[in-house]
C-alpha atoms as a PDB file:
ATOM      1  CA  MET A   1      13.272  -8.621  20.410  1.00  0.00           C
ATOM      2  CA  SER A   2      10.469  -6.468  19.059  1.00  0.00           C
ATOM      3  CA  PRO A   3       8.745  -7.478  15.787  1.00  0.00           C
ATOM      4  CA  ARG A   4      10.002  -5.290  12.866  1.00  0.00           C
ATOM      5  CA  VAL A   5       7.688  -3.329  10.583  1.00  0.00           C
ATOM      6  CA  VAL A   6       8.844  -1.567   7.493  1.00  0.00           C
ATOM      7  CA  LEU A   7       6.529   1.403   6.573  1.00  0.00           C
ATOM      8  CA  ILE A   8       6.280   2.536   2.898  1.00  0.00           C
ATOM      9  CA  HIS A   9       4.592   5.693   1.654  1.00  0.00           C
ATOM     10  CA  GLY A  10       2.538   6.300  -1.405  1.00  0.00           C
ATOM     11  CA  ILE A  11       3.011   8.367  -4.588  1.00  0.00           C
ATOM     12  CA  TRP A  12       3.753  12.078  -4.265  1.00  0.00           C
ATOM     13  CA  MET A  13       4.334  11.689  -0.451  1.00  0.00           C
ATOM     14  CA  PRO A  14       7.362  12.048   1.630  1.00  0.00           C
ATOM     15  CA  ALA A  15       8.436   9.248   3.992  1.00  0.00           C
ATOM     16  CA  THR A  16       7.561  11.481   7.019  1.00  0.00           C
ATOM     17  CA  VAL A  17       3.851  10.938   6.231  1.00  0.00           C
ATOM     18  CA  MET A  18       4.212   7.523   7.774  1.00  0.00           C
ATOM     19  CA  ALA A  19       5.362   9.007  11.155  1.00  0.00           C
ATOM     20  CA  TRP A  20       1.960   8.981  12.878  1.00  0.00           C
ATOM     21  CA  MET A  21       1.216   5.333  11.945  1.00  0.00           C
ATOM     22  CA  ALA A  22       4.824   4.436  13.045  1.00  0.00           C
ATOM     23  CA  ALA A  23       4.166   5.996  16.459  1.00  0.00           C
ATOM     24  CA  ARG A  24       1.060   3.915  16.926  1.00  0.00           C
ATOM     25  CA  LEU A  25       2.930   0.729  16.003  1.00  0.00           C
ATOM     26  CA  ARG A  26       5.780   1.499  18.446  1.00  0.00           C
ATOM     27  CA  GLU A  27       3.300   1.974  21.177  1.00  0.00           C
ATOM     28  CA  ALA A  28       2.007  -1.539  20.399  1.00  0.00           C
ATOM     29  CA  GLY A  29       5.576  -2.948  20.767  1.00  0.00           C
ATOM     30  CA  PHE A  30       6.767  -2.923  17.130  1.00  0.00           C
ATOM     31  CA  ALA A  31      10.168  -1.685  15.969  1.00  0.00           C
ATOM     32  CA  CYS A  32       9.556   0.559  12.926  1.00  0.00           C
ATOM     33  CA  GLU A  33      11.708   1.535   9.879  1.00  0.00           C
ATOM     34  CA  THR A  34      10.668   3.715   7.010  1.00  0.00           C
ATOM     35  CA  PHE A  35      11.448   3.037   3.360  1.00  0.00           C
ATOM     36  CA  SER A  36      11.599   6.049   1.049  1.00  0.00           C
ATOM     37  CA  TYR A  37      11.499   6.031  -2.745  1.00  0.00           C
ATOM     38  CA  HIS A  38      10.837   8.256  -5.829  1.00  0.00           C
ATOM     39  CA  GLY A  39       8.159   6.466  -7.741  1.00  0.00           C
ATOM     40  CA  VAL A  40       7.426   9.250 -10.211  1.00  0.00           C
ATOM     41  CA  THR A  41      10.980  10.223 -11.228  1.00  0.00           C
ATOM     42  CA  ARG A  42      12.869   7.068 -10.784  1.00  0.00           C
ATOM     43  CA  GLY A  43      10.242   4.448 -11.137  1.00  0.00           C
ATOM     44  CA  PRO A  44       9.149   1.438  -9.168  1.00  0.00           C
ATOM     45  CA  GLU A  45      11.980  -0.787 -10.532  1.00  0.00           C
ATOM     46  CA  GLU A  46      14.670   1.216  -8.585  1.00  0.00           C
ATOM     47  CA  ALA A  47      12.468   1.091  -5.466  1.00  0.00           C
ATOM     48  CA  VAL A  48      11.840  -2.602  -5.785  1.00  0.00           C
ATOM     49  CA  GLY A  49      15.583  -3.473  -5.853  1.00  0.00           C
ATOM     50  CA  ARG A  50      16.343  -1.368  -2.803  1.00  0.00           C
ATOM     51  CA  LEU A  51      13.287  -2.649  -0.939  1.00  0.00           C
ATOM     52  CA  ARG A  52      14.295  -6.266  -1.531  1.00  0.00           C
ATOM     53  CA  GLU A  53      17.609  -5.536   0.092  1.00  0.00           C
ATOM     54  CA  MET A  54      16.078  -3.906   3.057  1.00  0.00           C
ATOM     55  CA  LEU A  55      13.494  -6.630   3.606  1.00  0.00           C
ATOM     56  CA  SER A  56      16.246  -9.369   3.222  1.00  0.00           C
ATOM     57  CA  ALA A  57      17.950  -8.066   6.421  1.00  0.00           C
ATOM     58  CA  GLY A  58      15.670 -10.144   8.682  1.00  0.00           C
ATOM     59  CA  PRO A  59      12.010 -11.145   9.464  1.00  0.00           C
ATOM     60  CA  ALA A  60       9.630  -8.210   9.055  1.00  0.00           C
ATOM     61  CA  HIS A  61       6.078  -7.078   8.481  1.00  0.00           C
ATOM     62  CA  VAL A  62       5.251  -4.341   5.979  1.00  0.00           C
ATOM     63  CA  LEU A  63       2.662  -1.500   6.244  1.00  0.00           C
ATOM     64  CA  ALA A  64       2.325   0.218   2.834  1.00  0.00           C
ATOM     65  CA  HIS A  65       0.120   3.013   1.514  1.00  0.00           C
ATOM     66  CA  SER A  66      -1.221   3.282  -1.961  1.00  0.00           C
ATOM     67  CA  LEU A  67       1.562   2.839  -4.609  1.00  0.00           C
ATOM     68  CA  GLY A  68       3.783   1.608  -1.747  1.00  0.00           C
ATOM     69  CA  GLY A  69       1.602  -1.546  -1.608  1.00  0.00           C
ATOM     70  CA  LEU A  70       2.145  -2.213  -5.208  1.00  0.00           C
ATOM     71  CA  VAL A  71       5.954  -1.643  -4.851  1.00  0.00           C
ATOM     72  CA  THR A  72       5.892  -4.086  -1.903  1.00  0.00           C
ATOM     73  CA  LEU A  73       4.104  -6.885  -3.762  1.00  0.00           C
ATOM     74  CA  GLU A  74       6.348  -6.402  -6.836  1.00  0.00           C
ATOM     75  CA  ALA A  75       9.418  -6.737  -4.534  1.00  0.00           C
ATOM     76  CA  LEU A  76       8.137  -9.907  -2.845  1.00  0.00           C
ATOM     77  CA  ARG A  77       6.585 -11.624  -5.878  1.00  0.00           C
ATOM     78  CA  GLY A  78       8.668 -14.641  -6.906  1.00  0.00           C
ATOM     79  CA  GLN A  79      11.078 -14.070  -4.004  1.00  0.00           C
ATOM     80  CA  PRO A  80      10.188 -16.663  -1.323  1.00  0.00           C
ATOM     81  CA  GLN A  81      13.577 -16.252   0.347  1.00  0.00           C
ATOM     82  CA  ILE A  82      12.642 -12.727   1.594  1.00  0.00           C
ATOM     83  CA  PRO A  83      11.536 -13.181   5.232  1.00  0.00           C
ATOM     84  CA  VAL A  84       8.362 -11.015   5.157  1.00  0.00           C
ATOM     85  CA  GLU A  85       5.628 -12.563   7.311  1.00  0.00           C
ATOM     86  CA  ARG A  86       2.690 -10.238   6.786  1.00  0.00           C
ATOM     87  CA  VAL A  87       1.868  -7.201   4.664  1.00  0.00           C
ATOM     88  CA  VAL A  88      -0.963  -4.671   5.179  1.00  0.00           C
ATOM     89  CA  CYS A  89      -1.842  -2.303   2.331  1.00  0.00           C
ATOM     90  CA  LEU A  90      -3.688   0.924   2.970  1.00  0.00           C
ATOM     91  CA  GLY A  91      -5.717   2.050  -0.009  1.00  0.00           C
ATOM     92  CA  SER A  92      -3.516   0.232  -2.522  1.00  0.00           C
ATOM     93  CA  PRO A  93      -5.121  -0.388  -5.967  1.00  0.00           C
ATOM     94  CA  LEU A  94      -3.955  -4.045  -5.927  1.00  0.00           C
ATOM     95  CA  ARG A  95      -6.075  -4.942  -8.932  1.00  0.00           C
ATOM     96  CA  GLY A  96      -4.972  -1.825 -10.888  1.00  0.00           C
ATOM     97  CA  SER A  97      -6.061   1.805 -10.616  1.00  0.00           C
ATOM     98  CA  GLY A  98      -8.943   3.157 -12.614  1.00  0.00           C
ATOM     99  CA  ALA A  99      -7.826   6.702 -11.671  1.00  0.00           C
ATOM    100  CA  ALA A 100      -4.373   5.977 -13.224  1.00  0.00           C
ATOM    101  CA  HIS A 101      -5.966   4.709 -16.412  1.00  0.00           C
ATOM    102  CA  GLY A 102      -8.078   7.835 -16.606  1.00  0.00           C
ATOM    103  CA  MET A 103      -5.090  10.053 -16.027  1.00  0.00           C
ATOM    104  CA  ARG A 104      -3.086   8.338 -18.789  1.00  0.00           C
ATOM    105  CA  GLN A 105      -5.749   9.323 -21.230  1.00  0.00           C
ATOM    106  CA  ARG A 106      -4.857  12.978 -20.591  1.00  0.00           C
ATOM    107  CA  PRO A 107      -1.180  13.799 -21.337  1.00  0.00           C
ATOM    108  CA  TRP A 108      -1.023  16.653 -18.704  1.00  0.00           C
ATOM    109  CA  ALA A 109      -2.323  14.343 -16.092  1.00  0.00           C
ATOM    110  CA  ALA A 110      -0.260  11.259 -17.163  1.00  0.00           C
ATOM    111  CA  ALA A 111       2.962  13.215 -16.607  1.00  0.00           C
ATOM    112  CA  MET A 112       2.003  13.377 -12.877  1.00  0.00           C
ATOM    113  CA  LEU A 113       2.246   9.601 -12.647  1.00  0.00           C
ATOM    114  CA  GLY A 114       5.661   9.494 -14.339  1.00  0.00           C
ATOM    115  CA  GLN A 115       7.395   6.070 -14.265  1.00  0.00           C
ATOM    116  CA  ALA A 116       4.867   4.658 -11.784  1.00  0.00           C
ATOM    117  CA  ALA A 117       2.063   4.655 -14.313  1.00  0.00           C
ATOM    118  CA  ASP A 118       2.453   1.216 -15.654  1.00  0.00           C
ATOM    119  CA  LEU A 119       2.458  -0.494 -12.234  1.00  0.00           C
ATOM    120  CA  LEU A 120      -0.417   1.604 -10.947  1.00  0.00           C
ATOM    121  CA  GLU A 121      -2.627   0.850 -13.967  1.00  0.00           C
ATOM    122  CA  ARG A 122      -1.644  -2.829 -14.162  1.00  0.00           C
ATOM    123  CA  GLY A 123      -1.847  -4.053 -10.570  1.00  0.00           C
ATOM    124  CA  PHE A 124      -1.803  -7.838 -10.011  1.00  0.00           C
ATOM    125  CA  GLU A 125      -4.008 -10.740 -10.872  1.00  0.00           C
ATOM    126  CA  ARG A 126      -3.662 -12.606  -7.548  1.00  0.00           C
ATOM    127  CA  TRP A 127      -1.452 -12.887  -4.466  1.00  0.00           C
ATOM    128  CA  PRO A 128       0.509 -16.220  -4.306  1.00  0.00           C
ATOM    129  CA  GLY A 129       2.863 -15.035  -1.407  1.00  0.00           C
ATOM    130  CA  PRO A 130       5.320 -15.072   0.207  1.00  0.00           C
ATOM    131  CA  GLY A 131       3.790 -13.582   3.278  1.00  0.00           C
ATOM    132  CA  GLU A 132       0.160 -13.131   4.246  1.00  0.00           C
ATOM    133  CA  LEU A 133      -1.633 -10.113   2.714  1.00  0.00           C
ATOM    134  CA  GLY A 134      -4.219  -7.931   4.279  1.00  0.00           C
ATOM    135  CA  SER A 135      -5.826  -4.891   2.537  1.00  0.00           C
ATOM    136  CA  ILE A 136      -7.703  -1.981   4.063  1.00  0.00           C
ATOM    137  CA  ALA A 137     -10.021   0.205   1.922  1.00  0.00           C
ATOM    138  CA  GLY A 138     -11.615   3.488   2.586  1.00  0.00           C
ATOM    139  CA  THR A 139     -15.117   4.805   1.777  1.00  0.00           C
ATOM    140  CA  LEU A 140     -14.733   8.539   2.485  1.00  0.00           C
ATOM    141  CA  PRO A 141     -14.762   9.953  -1.025  1.00  0.00           C
ATOM    142  CA  HIS A 142     -12.515  12.988  -0.565  1.00  0.00           C
ATOM    143  CA  GLY A 143      -9.971  13.390  -3.305  1.00  0.00           C
ATOM    144  CA  LEU A 144      -9.490  14.185  -6.944  1.00  0.00           C
ATOM    145  CA  GLY A 145      -8.872  10.625  -8.131  1.00  0.00           C
ATOM    146  CA  HIS A 146     -12.678  10.133  -8.648  1.00  0.00           C
ATOM    147  CA  VAL A 147     -12.526  12.719 -11.344  1.00  0.00           C
ATOM    148  CA  PHE A 148     -10.343  10.399 -13.503  1.00  0.00           C
ATOM    149  CA  GLY A 149     -11.551   7.020 -12.201  1.00  0.00           C
ATOM    150  CA  GLY A 150     -15.270   7.448 -12.845  1.00  0.00           C
ATOM    151  CA  PHE A 151     -16.065   5.271  -9.835  1.00  0.00           C
ATOM    152  CA  ARG A 152     -19.528   3.783  -9.616  1.00  0.00           C
ATOM    153  CA  ASP A 153     -19.199   2.093  -6.307  1.00  0.00           C
ATOM    154  CA  GLU A 154     -17.526   2.963  -2.975  1.00  0.00           C
ATOM    155  CA  HIS A 155     -14.204   4.629  -3.047  1.00  0.00           C
ATOM    156  CA  ASP A 156     -11.844   6.694  -0.921  1.00  0.00           C
ATOM    157  CA  GLY A 157     -11.490   9.598  -3.325  1.00  0.00           C
ATOM    158  CA  SER A 158      -8.593   7.985  -5.217  1.00  0.00           C
ATOM    159  CA  VAL A 159      -9.081   4.205  -5.077  1.00  0.00           C
ATOM    160  CA  ALA A 160     -12.284   2.103  -5.380  1.00  0.00           C
ATOM    161  CA  VAL A 161     -12.940  -0.449  -2.685  1.00  0.00           C
ATOM    162  CA  ALA A 162     -13.193  -3.115  -5.461  1.00  0.00           C
ATOM    163  CA  GLU A 163      -9.626  -2.259  -6.618  1.00  0.00           C
ATOM    164  CA  THR A 164      -8.246  -3.145  -3.161  1.00  0.00           C
ATOM    165  CA  ARG A 165      -9.422  -6.787  -3.173  1.00  0.00           C
ATOM    166  CA  LEU A 166      -6.989  -9.345  -4.600  1.00  0.00           C
ATOM    167  CA  PRO A 167      -7.500 -13.195  -4.793  1.00  0.00           C
ATOM    168  CA  GLY A 168      -5.183 -14.951  -2.504  1.00  0.00           C
ATOM    169  CA  MET A 169      -5.084 -12.296   0.191  1.00  0.00           C
ATOM    170  CA  ALA A 170      -5.719 -13.422   3.824  1.00  0.00           C
ATOM    171  CA  ASP A 171      -8.194 -10.659   4.802  1.00  0.00           C
ATOM    172  CA  HIS A 172      -9.832  -7.446   3.732  1.00  0.00           C
ATOM    173  CA  ALA A 173     -11.389  -4.587   5.819  1.00  0.00           C
ATOM    174  CA  VAL A 174     -13.270  -1.383   4.883  1.00  0.00           C
ATOM    175  CA  ILE A 175     -13.209   1.731   7.060  1.00  0.00           C
ATOM    176  CA  ARG A 176     -14.733   5.225   6.905  1.00  0.00           C
ATOM    177  CA  ALA A 177     -11.610   7.180   5.806  1.00  0.00           C
ATOM    178  CA  SER A 178     -10.310   8.997   2.803  1.00  0.00           C
ATOM    179  CA  HIS A 179      -7.272   7.888   0.824  1.00  0.00           C
ATOM    180  CA  SER A 180      -4.787  10.048   2.674  1.00  0.00           C
ATOM    181  CA  GLY A 181      -6.896  10.198   5.845  1.00  0.00           C
ATOM    182  CA  MET A 182      -6.308   6.463   6.550  1.00  0.00           C
ATOM    183  CA  LEU A 183      -2.771   7.327   7.370  1.00  0.00           C
ATOM    184  CA  PHE A 184      -4.068   9.026  10.484  1.00  0.00           C
ATOM    185  CA  SER A 185      -6.899   6.705  11.277  1.00  0.00           C
ATOM    186  CA  PRO A 186      -6.924   5.050  14.722  1.00  0.00           C
ATOM    187  CA  GLU A 187      -9.130   2.318  13.220  1.00  0.00           C
ATOM    188  CA  ALA A 188      -6.626   1.606  10.390  1.00  0.00           C
ATOM    189  CA  ALA A 189      -3.767   1.433  12.947  1.00  0.00           C
ATOM    190  CA  ARG A 190      -5.826  -0.941  15.213  1.00  0.00           C
ATOM    191  CA  LEU A 191      -6.590  -3.183  12.197  1.00  0.00           C
ATOM    192  CA  ALA A 192      -2.945  -3.213  11.085  1.00  0.00           C
ATOM    193  CA  ILE A 193      -1.686  -4.132  14.536  1.00  0.00           C
ATOM    194  CA  ALA A 194      -4.279  -6.950  14.783  1.00  0.00           C
ATOM    195  CA  PHE A 195      -3.178  -8.355  11.370  1.00  0.00           C
ATOM    196  CA  PHE A 196       0.487  -8.242  12.238  1.00  0.00           C
ATOM    197  CA  ARG A 197      -0.255 -10.168  15.458  1.00  0.00           C
ATOM    198  CA  GLU A 198      -2.851 -12.562  14.329  1.00  0.00           C
ATOM    199  CA  GLY A 199      -2.925 -12.654  10.536  1.00  0.00           C
ATOM    200  CA  ARG A 200      -6.572 -11.362  10.456  1.00  0.00           C
ATOM    201  CA  PHE A 201      -8.346  -8.107  11.006  1.00  0.00           C
ATOM    202  CA  LEU A 202      -9.974  -8.815  14.375  1.00  0.00           C
END
């Protein structure tokens, strides 16, 4: 039986944006499912509940982009009975998003975050499990997030590399890709596959 991977998109994106990455995972022998949610209008709480149900169906890995990574960790935190083995986050601001913080200072921009604003800005202190966590960050600064984030160090246009590091994670990798570009990055796909197989970015 092929290992199961659940793919989760980021804010403002449709589930179909994960199709390219799903195709690479299938080529590597994984069975893929996509989870769709409305983070802005319905909020992460609704997504977290549905995701817990989906992940409880059987052993799985998770590949999540941006806000999808935060939704995943929120769903797994304090739920050791959920059989998720490994999670790979692509450009997720796991320590909290400086861009989200900046957007919340401007009412017209804050509205774009909707009900996802709190989780995006807060992030997490550390990762206690369940499941091994790997995070991939990008360093191609193409995106409008830096306008609000005021990044001083490397970033992918929306999320700083420092925001993707979380105490307790199993591994971290940095690639030359933008925030949305990593969804179509052969290197990101290779790293995710390695992590799902070995628990490390080989």
